Protein backbone atom coordinates (compact mmCIF):
# COMPACT_ATOMS: atom_id res chain seq x y z
CA MET A 1 0.05 -0.04 -0.01
CA ALA A 2 1.12 3.49 -0.72
CA THR A 3 2.54 5.59 2.21
CA PRO A 4 3.17 9.04 0.81
CA ARG A 5 4.73 11.90 2.64
CA VAL A 6 1.93 14.39 3.17
CA ALA A 7 2.36 18.22 3.15
CA ALA A 8 -0.03 21.22 3.29
CA GLY A 9 0.29 24.76 2.35
CA VAL A 10 -1.90 27.84 2.23
CA LEU A 11 -2.68 30.14 -0.69
CA PHE A 12 -2.87 33.74 0.50
CA VAL A 13 -3.75 36.36 -2.04
CA ASP A 14 -3.76 40.12 -1.86
CA GLU A 15 -6.28 42.66 -3.29
CA HIS A 16 -4.61 42.25 -6.74
CA ASP A 17 -4.86 38.41 -6.80
CA ARG A 18 -1.07 38.17 -6.33
CA VAL A 19 0.02 35.11 -4.31
CA MET A 20 2.07 35.24 -1.07
CA LEU A 21 5.34 33.50 -1.55
CA VAL A 22 7.78 32.91 1.23
CA LYS A 23 11.68 32.49 1.01
CA PRO A 24 12.77 29.44 2.88
CA SER A 25 16.36 29.60 4.19
CA TYR A 26 16.95 26.05 3.09
CA LYS A 27 15.58 26.16 -0.50
CA PRO A 28 16.97 27.90 -3.65
CA TYR A 29 13.36 28.95 -4.62
CA TRP A 30 10.22 30.73 -3.15
CA ASP A 31 7.38 28.54 -1.82
CA ILE A 32 4.12 29.01 -0.05
CA PRO A 33 3.71 28.88 3.73
CA GLY A 34 3.22 25.21 4.80
CA GLY A 35 5.03 22.12 5.50
CA TYR A 36 4.86 18.35 6.31
CA VAL A 37 1.92 16.86 8.18
CA GLU A 38 2.97 15.21 11.50
CA PRO A 39 1.74 11.88 12.61
CA GLY A 40 -1.93 11.97 13.79
CA GLU A 41 -2.39 15.56 12.30
CA SER A 42 -4.76 16.39 9.60
CA PRO A 43 -3.54 18.28 6.59
CA ARG A 44 -5.66 21.37 7.45
CA ALA A 45 -4.36 21.29 11.11
CA ALA A 46 -0.75 21.10 9.74
CA CYS A 47 -1.48 24.02 7.58
CA GLN A 48 -2.70 26.05 10.49
CA ARG A 49 0.32 25.01 12.63
CA GLU A 50 2.81 25.85 9.84
CA ILE A 51 1.24 29.35 9.41
CA LEU A 52 1.84 30.02 13.10
CA GLU A 53 5.37 28.54 13.14
CA GLU A 54 6.51 30.22 9.90
CA LEU A 55 4.67 33.57 10.03
CA GLY A 56 3.82 33.91 13.59
CA ILE A 57 0.14 34.69 12.90
CA THR A 58 -3.04 32.74 13.59
CA VAL A 59 -5.57 32.87 10.89
CA PRO A 60 -8.58 30.75 9.91
CA VAL A 61 -7.88 28.36 7.04
CA GLY A 62 -10.60 27.84 4.38
CA GLY A 63 -11.47 24.94 2.19
CA MET A 64 -9.11 22.89 0.09
CA LEU A 65 -8.21 24.21 -3.26
CA ALA A 66 -6.02 21.48 -4.59
CA VAL A 67 -4.54 18.11 -3.79
CA ASP A 68 -1.51 17.04 -5.86
CA TRP A 69 -0.14 13.63 -6.27
CA ALA A 70 3.56 14.58 -6.67
CA PRO A 71 6.09 11.85 -6.26
CA HIS A 72 9.62 13.13 -6.03
CA PRO A 73 12.67 11.02 -7.37
CA ALA A 74 14.77 11.66 -4.24
CA GLU A 75 12.07 11.80 -1.59
CA GLY A 76 9.35 9.27 -2.78
CA ASP A 77 5.66 9.56 -3.02
CA LYS A 78 4.04 12.84 -1.79
CA MET A 79 0.48 14.05 -1.46
CA LEU A 80 0.44 17.83 -1.30
CA PHE A 81 -2.60 19.96 -0.18
CA ILE A 82 -3.26 23.64 -0.76
CA PHE A 83 -5.91 25.36 1.40
CA ASP A 84 -7.54 28.77 0.93
CA GLY A 85 -6.07 31.38 3.29
CA GLY A 86 -7.99 34.18 1.73
CA THR A 87 -6.65 37.76 1.87
CA LEU A 88 -4.66 38.95 4.88
CA ALA A 89 -5.62 42.33 6.43
CA ASP A 90 -2.93 45.03 6.79
CA GLU A 91 -2.84 44.35 10.52
CA GLN A 92 -2.13 40.65 9.90
CA LEU A 93 0.58 41.49 7.40
CA ALA A 94 2.21 43.89 9.82
CA ALA A 95 2.09 41.16 12.57
CA ILE A 96 4.14 38.65 10.55
CA GLN A 97 7.29 37.62 12.38
CA PHE A 98 9.55 34.85 11.17
CA GLN A 99 9.62 32.57 14.30
CA ASP A 100 12.21 29.75 13.55
CA ASN A 101 14.61 31.17 10.99
CA GLU A 102 13.00 28.85 8.41
CA ILE A 103 11.66 31.77 6.41
CA THR A 104 13.64 34.95 5.66
CA GLU A 105 11.07 37.01 3.85
CA PHE A 106 7.75 37.10 1.91
CA THR A 107 6.43 38.82 -1.16
CA PHE A 108 3.29 38.89 -3.21
CA ALA A 109 3.85 37.53 -6.73
CA SER A 110 1.79 38.12 -9.81
CA SER A 111 0.97 35.07 -12.06
CA ASP A 112 3.83 35.87 -14.28
CA ASP A 113 6.31 36.27 -11.43
CA ILE A 114 5.34 32.82 -9.99
CA GLU A 115 6.98 31.31 -13.01
CA ARG A 116 10.25 33.18 -12.32
CA LEU A 117 10.41 32.76 -8.55
CA THR A 118 9.68 29.05 -8.06
CA ILE A 119 10.05 25.55 -9.54
CA PRO A 120 7.75 24.59 -12.47
CA ARG A 121 5.73 22.05 -10.83
CA LEU A 122 4.95 24.38 -7.82
CA ALA A 123 4.08 27.03 -10.36
CA ARG A 124 1.64 24.69 -12.06
CA ARG A 125 0.18 23.72 -8.69
CA LEU A 126 -0.27 27.44 -7.75
CA HIS A 127 -1.94 28.24 -11.13
CA ALA A 128 -4.33 25.44 -10.60
CA ALA A 129 -5.10 26.45 -7.04
CA LEU A 130 -5.85 30.13 -8.25
CA ALA A 131 -8.21 28.72 -10.95
CA ALA A 132 -9.83 26.56 -8.25
CA LEU A 133 -10.27 29.68 -6.09
CA ALA A 134 -11.66 31.59 -8.98
CA HIS A 135 -14.21 28.82 -9.92
CA GLN A 136 -14.81 27.74 -6.29
CA ARG A 137 -14.15 24.26 -7.18
CA PRO A 138 -11.22 22.20 -5.75
CA VAL A 139 -8.93 20.31 -8.24
CA TYR A 140 -7.10 17.01 -8.28
CA LEU A 141 -3.55 17.20 -9.80
CA GLU A 142 -0.78 14.87 -10.59
CA GLU A 143 2.62 16.52 -10.52
CA GLY A 144 1.00 20.01 -10.62
CA SER A 145 -1.27 19.35 -13.65
CA SER A 146 -4.79 17.97 -14.24
CA PRO A 147 -4.50 14.38 -15.40
CA ALA A 148 -5.20 13.66 -19.11
CA GLY A 149 -8.87 13.44 -19.83
CA ASP A 150 -9.85 15.25 -16.56
CA ALA A 151 -12.91 17.26 -17.10
CA ALA A 152 -11.39 20.09 -14.98
CA SER A 153 -8.40 20.59 -17.25
């Protein structure tokens, strides 16, 4: 039976529909807030925990936007969830504090900037999550894309 590693992240957008990206100190590319699910923890609960650990804020997490079957050659099978974080208020943005030195900065990136700032399959996943948000319909992905023949593609 499959035993994938499970991770969960959050899609925060600003008033211009730009996506919040964070710069991890241990990766050569930008990512979204989130991380691996711990044993006995739900993906949604992991997402909320990671927001607090990485950004130092507590915010409600909305519905699931995307789930991505994303095996990695060096890390094995992965199941990645993206949840809707909505739009952060100015007070929430001002309260962001990087708690554990994992994250060094954040920015809001336009759709075009996503391609430049992150890896291709994460960019595909983020574009799919933005479309799911716009259509209010979660999507199933494989390696960041809708599977061939999927009606949602």
